[in-house]
């Protein structure tokens, strides 16, 4: 197995993003503009790869925080590898633990909307585009932490005697008002 850990993010304001901008696992909060989101503060990420033959079982754990002073609906987005399939999903918000269950799409949406309306912590998994897995999370309170545990499987690529696998983890410069993100000599 292989283990990768990423340190917490800076709590500086981040620029608004759309779901098409997602290149790594992110918790996004719905903003006032349709189709745009603000990124949640990332507290850390850990990923573990178990590889057996041509199959990798990937376990990803990421934590985030709602640093706002309001209740929000979040969208956890993760770009799955082309040959990836989600096996398990667990989300912990404060004291509440949500474990994913597979339901028919229209039934799942009705259950989610009813839970959201009644103020319950709820989650809904959807496929945004062919390789983007999204999971809506309702009623995240001010200051609450969100822990996402995602397990998926993927096949390894084998070309000319070499094995490879893709893990979508883009680390980009953080937005800090007034600070340059690219060195002047770059």
C-alpha atoms as a PDB file:
ATOM      1  CA  UNK A   1       0.000   0.000   0.000  1.00  0.00           C
ATOM      2  CA  UNK A   2       0.918   3.657  -0.454  1.00  0.00           C
ATOM      3  CA  UNK A   3      -0.125   6.511   1.875  1.00  0.00           C
ATOM      4  CA  UNK A   4      -0.293  10.207   0.943  1.00  0.00           C
ATOM      5  CA  UNK A   5      -1.105  13.028   3.383  1.00  0.00           C
ATOM      6  CA  UNK A   6      -1.757  16.712   2.666  1.00  0.00           C
ATOM      7  CA  UNK A   7      -1.484  19.509   5.229  1.00  0.00           C
ATOM      8  CA  UNK A   8      -4.357  21.868   6.117  1.00  0.00           C
ATOM      9  CA  UNK A   9      -5.185  24.778   3.837  1.00  0.00           C
ATOM     10  CA  UNK A  10      -4.825  28.438   4.652  1.00  0.00           C
ATOM     11  CA  UNK A  11      -8.088  29.947   5.887  1.00  0.00           C
ATOM     12  CA  UNK A  12      -7.822  32.894   3.472  1.00  0.00           C
ATOM     13  CA  UNK A  13     -10.812  33.686   1.236  1.00  0.00           C
ATOM     14  CA  UNK A  14     -10.845  31.542  -1.890  1.00  0.00           C
ATOM     15  CA  UNK A  15     -12.177  32.618  -5.279  1.00  0.00           C
ATOM     16  CA  UNK A  16     -15.611  31.310  -6.371  1.00  0.00           C
ATOM     17  CA  UNK A  17     -15.533  28.166  -8.515  1.00  0.00           C
ATOM     18  CA  UNK A  18     -17.907  26.153 -10.695  1.00  0.00           C
ATOM     19  CA  UNK A  19     -18.213  22.355 -10.759  1.00  0.00           C
ATOM     20  CA  UNK A  20     -16.326  22.308 -14.068  1.00  0.00           C
ATOM     21  CA  UNK A  21     -13.294  23.757 -12.217  1.00  0.00           C
ATOM     22  CA  UNK A  22     -12.988  20.818  -9.800  1.00  0.00           C
ATOM     23  CA  UNK A  23      -9.696  18.960 -10.257  1.00  0.00           C
ATOM     24  CA  UNK A  24      -9.347  17.331  -6.830  1.00  0.00           C
ATOM     25  CA  UNK A  25     -11.574  16.380  -3.887  1.00  0.00           C
ATOM     26  CA  UNK A  26     -13.232  19.576  -2.623  1.00  0.00           C
ATOM     27  CA  UNK A  27     -16.098  20.604  -0.371  1.00  0.00           C
ATOM     28  CA  UNK A  28     -17.941  23.507  -1.958  1.00  0.00           C
ATOM     29  CA  UNK A  29     -20.654  25.677  -0.416  1.00  0.00           C
ATOM     30  CA  UNK A  30     -23.456  27.054  -2.589  1.00  0.00           C
ATOM     31  CA  UNK A  31     -23.050  30.778  -3.174  1.00  0.00           C
ATOM     32  CA  UNK A  32     -25.655  33.366  -4.136  1.00  0.00           C
ATOM     33  CA  UNK A  33     -24.914  33.021  -7.873  1.00  0.00           C
ATOM     34  CA  UNK A  34     -26.370  30.044  -9.700  1.00  0.00           C
ATOM     35  CA  UNK A  35     -23.710  27.479 -10.579  1.00  0.00           C
ATOM     36  CA  UNK A  36     -20.957  29.023  -8.453  1.00  0.00           C
ATOM     37  CA  UNK A  37     -19.589  27.860  -5.140  1.00  0.00           C
ATOM     38  CA  UNK A  38     -17.120  28.941  -2.485  1.00  0.00           C
ATOM     39  CA  UNK A  39     -14.517  26.428  -1.381  1.00  0.00           C
ATOM     40  CA  UNK A  40     -14.633  25.177   2.194  1.00  0.00           C
ATOM     41  CA  UNK A  41     -11.471  25.474   4.238  1.00  0.00           C
ATOM     42  CA  UNK A  42      -9.580  22.187   3.928  1.00  0.00           C
ATOM     43  CA  UNK A  43      -8.308  20.803   7.238  1.00  0.00           C
ATOM     44  CA  UNK A  44      -6.379  17.898   5.682  1.00  0.00           C
ATOM     45  CA  UNK A  45      -6.429  14.868   3.398  1.00  0.00           C
ATOM     46  CA  UNK A  46      -5.160  11.312   3.602  1.00  0.00           C
ATOM     47  CA  UNK A  47      -5.292   8.700   0.850  1.00  0.00           C
ATOM     48  CA  UNK A  48      -4.345   5.023   0.994  1.00  0.00           C
ATOM     49  CA  UNK A  49      -3.866   2.759  -2.033  1.00  0.00           C
ATOM     50  CA  UNK A  50      -4.203  -1.040  -1.782  1.00  0.00           C
ATOM     51  CA  UNK A  51      -3.027  -2.551  -5.059  1.00  0.00           C
ATOM     52  CA  UNK A  52      -3.635  -6.161  -6.012  1.00  0.00           C
ATOM     53  CA  UNK A  53      -2.886  -7.230  -9.571  1.00  0.00           C
ATOM     54  CA  UNK A  54      -4.496  -4.719 -11.933  1.00  0.00           C
ATOM     55  CA  UNK A  55      -6.960  -3.347  -9.367  1.00  0.00           C
ATOM     56  CA  UNK A  56      -6.430  -0.543  -6.851  1.00  0.00           C
ATOM     57  CA  UNK A  57      -8.724   0.045  -3.887  1.00  0.00           C
ATOM     58  CA  UNK A  58      -8.383   3.696  -2.901  1.00  0.00           C
ATOM     59  CA  UNK A  59      -9.494   5.041   0.478  1.00  0.00           C
ATOM     60  CA  UNK A  60      -9.626   8.832   0.731  1.00  0.00           C
ATOM     61  CA  UNK A  61     -10.336  10.774   3.910  1.00  0.00           C
ATOM     62  CA  UNK A  62     -10.715  14.562   3.755  1.00  0.00           C
ATOM     63  CA  UNK A  63     -11.832  17.066   6.353  1.00  0.00           C
ATOM     64  CA  UNK A  64     -13.255  20.556   5.903  1.00  0.00           C
ATOM     65  CA  UNK A  65     -14.811  23.322   8.012  1.00  0.00           C
ATOM     66  CA  UNK A  66     -17.700  25.710   7.552  1.00  0.00           C
ATOM     67  CA  UNK A  67     -15.998  28.924   8.697  1.00  0.00           C
ATOM     68  CA  UNK A  68     -19.060  31.050   7.915  1.00  0.00           C
ATOM     69  CA  UNK A  69     -21.627  32.198  10.461  1.00  0.00           C
ATOM     70  CA  UNK A  70     -24.542  30.618   8.566  1.00  0.00           C
ATOM     71  CA  UNK A  71     -26.065  27.225   7.816  1.00  0.00           C
ATOM     72  CA  UNK A  72     -24.994  26.025   4.366  1.00  0.00           C
ATOM     73  CA  UNK A  73     -25.610  23.303   1.826  1.00  0.00           C
ATOM     74  CA  UNK A  74     -22.352  21.783   0.666  1.00  0.00           C
ATOM     75  CA  UNK A  75     -21.374  19.849  -2.413  1.00  0.00           C
ATOM     76  CA  UNK A  76     -18.468  17.423  -2.067  1.00  0.00           C
ATOM     77  CA  UNK A  77     -16.962  16.920  -5.522  1.00  0.00           C
ATOM     78  CA  UNK A  78     -14.364  14.350  -6.519  1.00  0.00           C
ATOM     79  CA  UNK A  79     -13.133  13.640 -10.070  1.00  0.00           C
ATOM     80  CA  UNK A  80     -13.098   9.846 -10.287  1.00  0.00           C
ATOM     81  CA  UNK A  81     -10.608   8.157 -12.615  1.00  0.00           C
ATOM     82  CA  UNK A  82     -12.215   7.023 -15.885  1.00  0.00           C
ATOM     83  CA  UNK A  83     -12.364   3.389 -14.727  1.00  0.00           C
ATOM     84  CA  UNK A  84     -13.247   4.241 -11.094  1.00  0.00           C
ATOM     85  CA  UNK A  85     -16.328   3.033  -9.201  1.00  0.00           C
ATOM     86  CA  UNK A  86     -17.399   4.216  -5.732  1.00  0.00           C
ATOM     87  CA  UNK A  87     -17.689   1.370  -3.206  1.00  0.00           C
ATOM     88  CA  UNK A  88     -18.374   3.237   0.017  1.00  0.00           C
ATOM     89  CA  UNK A  89     -19.103   6.744   1.230  1.00  0.00           C
ATOM     90  CA  UNK A  90     -19.327   8.026   4.778  1.00  0.00           C
ATOM     91  CA  UNK A  91     -19.724  11.646   5.871  1.00  0.00           C
ATOM     92  CA  UNK A  92     -19.407  12.863   9.453  1.00  0.00           C
ATOM     93  CA  UNK A  93     -20.773  16.322  10.288  1.00  0.00           C
ATOM     94  CA  UNK A  94     -20.373  17.269  13.929  1.00  0.00           C
ATOM     95  CA  UNK A  95     -21.907  14.362  15.867  1.00  0.00           C
ATOM     96  CA  UNK A  96     -23.875  13.012  12.874  1.00  0.00           C
ATOM     97  CA  UNK A  97     -22.630  10.128  10.694  1.00  0.00           C
ATOM     98  CA  UNK A  98     -24.141   9.566   7.240  1.00  0.00           C
ATOM     99  CA  UNK A  99     -23.458   6.301   5.390  1.00  0.00           C
ATOM    100  CA  UNK A 100     -24.261   6.169   1.668  1.00  0.00           C
ATOM    101  CA  UNK A 101     -26.986   3.830   0.359  1.00  0.00           C
ATOM    102  CA  UNK A 102     -27.845   3.279  -3.301  1.00  0.00           C
ATOM    103  CA  UNK A 103     -31.402   4.252  -4.324  1.00  0.00           C
ATOM    104  CA  UNK A 104     -33.143   4.941  -7.650  1.00  0.00           C
ATOM    105  CA  UNK A 105     -32.389   8.554  -8.692  1.00  0.00           C
ATOM    106  CA  UNK A 106     -35.877  10.072  -8.311  1.00  0.00           C
ATOM    107  CA  UNK A 107     -36.451   8.297  -4.965  1.00  0.00           C
ATOM    108  CA  UNK A 108     -33.066   9.439  -3.669  1.00  0.00           C
ATOM    109  CA  UNK A 109     -33.799  13.093  -4.578  1.00  0.00           C
ATOM    110  CA  UNK A 110     -37.173  12.981  -2.773  1.00  0.00           C
ATOM    111  CA  UNK A 111     -35.600  11.496   0.385  1.00  0.00           C
ATOM    112  CA  UNK A 112     -32.850  14.150   0.316  1.00  0.00           C
ATOM    113  CA  UNK A 113     -35.258  17.070  -0.185  1.00  0.00           C
ATOM    114  CA  UNK A 114     -37.524  15.849   2.655  1.00  0.00           C
ATOM    115  CA  UNK A 115     -34.575  15.457   5.042  1.00  0.00           C
ATOM    116  CA  UNK A 116     -33.157  18.857   4.058  1.00  0.00           C
ATOM    117  CA  UNK A 117     -36.534  20.575   4.533  1.00  0.00           C
ATOM    118  CA  UNK A 118     -36.960  19.064   8.006  1.00  0.00           C
ATOM    119  CA  UNK A 119     -33.512  20.352   9.056  1.00  0.00           C
ATOM    120  CA  UNK A 120     -31.810  16.956   9.129  1.00  0.00           C
ATOM    121  CA  UNK A 121     -28.241  16.408   8.032  1.00  0.00           C
ATOM    122  CA  UNK A 122     -28.555  14.558   4.734  1.00  0.00           C
ATOM    123  CA  UNK A 123     -26.485  13.657   1.713  1.00  0.00           C
ATOM    124  CA  UNK A 124     -27.211  12.930  -1.984  1.00  0.00           C
ATOM    125  CA  UNK A 125     -24.690  11.417  -4.431  1.00  0.00           C
ATOM    126  CA  UNK A 126     -24.957  12.365  -8.105  1.00  0.00           C
ATOM    127  CA  UNK A 127     -22.862  12.063 -11.255  1.00  0.00           C
ATOM    128  CA  UNK A 128     -22.177  15.565 -12.558  1.00  0.00           C
ATOM    129  CA  UNK A 129     -20.260  14.540 -15.688  1.00  0.00           C
ATOM    130  CA  UNK A 130     -18.856  11.146 -16.748  1.00  0.00           C
ATOM    131  CA  UNK A 131     -15.953  11.250 -14.281  1.00  0.00           C
ATOM    132  CA  UNK A 132     -17.140  13.760 -11.628  1.00  0.00           C
ATOM    133  CA  UNK A 133     -18.753  12.269  -8.539  1.00  0.00           C
ATOM    134  CA  UNK A 134     -20.679  14.852  -6.476  1.00  0.00           C
ATOM    135  CA  UNK A 135     -22.377  14.525  -3.133  1.00  0.00           C
ATOM    136  CA  UNK A 136     -24.741  17.176  -1.764  1.00  0.00           C
ATOM    137  CA  UNK A 137     -24.712  17.670   1.991  1.00  0.00           C
ATOM    138  CA  UNK A 138     -27.557  19.582   3.692  1.00  0.00           C
ATOM    139  CA  UNK A 139     -27.602  21.670   6.863  1.00  0.00           C
ATOM    140  CA  UNK A 140     -23.939  22.182   7.735  1.00  0.00           C
ATOM    141  CA  UNK A 141     -23.903  24.479  10.757  1.00  0.00           C
ATOM    142  CA  UNK A 142     -21.647  27.479  11.419  1.00  0.00           C
ATOM    143  CA  UNK A 143     -18.187  26.315  12.503  1.00  0.00           C
ATOM    144  CA  UNK A 144     -18.983  22.629  11.931  1.00  0.00           C
ATOM    145  CA  UNK A 145     -16.356  20.238  10.610  1.00  0.00           C
ATOM    146  CA  UNK A 146     -17.118  17.807   7.797  1.00  0.00           C
ATOM    147  CA  UNK A 147     -15.211  14.534   7.411  1.00  0.00           C
ATOM    148  CA  UNK A 148     -15.580  12.641   4.119  1.00  0.00           C
ATOM    149  CA  UNK A 149     -14.455   9.011   3.778  1.00  0.00           C
ATOM    150  CA  UNK A 150     -14.633   7.770   0.209  1.00  0.00           C
ATOM    151  CA  UNK A 151     -13.594   4.344  -1.039  1.00  0.00           C
ATOM    152  CA  UNK A 152     -13.445   3.499  -4.714  1.00  0.00           C
ATOM    153  CA  UNK A 153     -11.835   0.925  -6.978  1.00  0.00           C
ATOM    154  CA  UNK A 154     -10.062   1.488 -10.261  1.00  0.00           C
ATOM    155  CA  UNK A 155      -8.100  -0.569 -12.735  1.00  0.00           C
ATOM    156  CA  UNK A 156      -4.429   0.124 -13.226  1.00  0.00           C
ATOM    157  CA  UNK A 157      -3.142   1.083 -16.622  1.00  0.00           C
ATOM    158  CA  UNK A 158      -0.567  -1.327 -18.067  1.00  0.00           C
ATOM    159  CA  UNK A 159       1.459  -0.121 -21.051  1.00  0.00           C
ATOM    160  CA  UNK A 160       4.744  -1.527 -22.372  1.00  0.00           C
ATOM    161  CA  UNK A 161       5.605  -3.309 -19.142  1.00  0.00           C
ATOM    162  CA  UNK A 162       4.753  -0.365 -16.827  1.00  0.00           C
ATOM    163  CA  UNK A 163       1.849   0.005 -14.408  1.00  0.00           C
ATOM    164  CA  UNK A 164       0.324   3.388 -13.637  1.00  0.00           C
ATOM    165  CA  UNK A 165      -2.655   4.839 -11.847  1.00  0.00           C
ATOM    166  CA  UNK A 166      -4.077   8.335 -11.735  1.00  0.00           C
ATOM    167  CA  UNK A 167      -5.105  10.057  -8.531  1.00  0.00           C
ATOM    168  CA  UNK A 168      -6.696  13.493  -9.016  1.00  0.00           C
ATOM    169  CA  UNK A 169      -4.951  15.731  -6.509  1.00  0.00           C
ATOM    170  CA  UNK A 170      -4.199  19.199  -7.794  1.00  0.00           C
ATOM    171  CA  UNK A 171      -2.385  21.476  -5.399  1.00  0.00           C
ATOM    172  CA  UNK A 172      -2.648  25.053  -6.616  1.00  0.00           C
ATOM    173  CA  UNK A 173      -1.562  28.359  -5.090  1.00  0.00           C
ATOM    174  CA  UNK A 174      -4.026  29.750  -2.545  1.00  0.00           C
ATOM    175  CA  UNK A 175      -5.713  33.077  -3.200  1.00  0.00           C
ATOM    176  CA  UNK A 176      -4.486  35.722  -0.755  1.00  0.00           C
ATOM    177  CA  UNK A 177      -5.798  39.257  -1.376  1.00  0.00           C
ATOM    178  CA  UNK A 178      -2.972  41.529  -2.572  1.00  0.00           C
ATOM    179  CA  UNK A 179      -0.412  38.720  -2.789  1.00  0.00           C
ATOM    180  CA  UNK A 180       1.204  37.510  -6.010  1.00  0.00           C
ATOM    181  CA  UNK A 181       0.627  33.820  -6.738  1.00  0.00           C
ATOM    182  CA  UNK A 182       3.290  33.588  -9.440  1.00  0.00           C
ATOM    183  CA  UNK A 183       6.891  34.710  -8.850  1.00  0.00           C
ATOM    184  CA  UNK A 184       7.868  37.784 -10.926  1.00  0.00           C
ATOM    185  CA  UNK A 185      10.638  35.833 -12.699  1.00  0.00           C
ATOM    186  CA  UNK A 186       8.330  32.978 -13.767  1.00  0.00           C
END
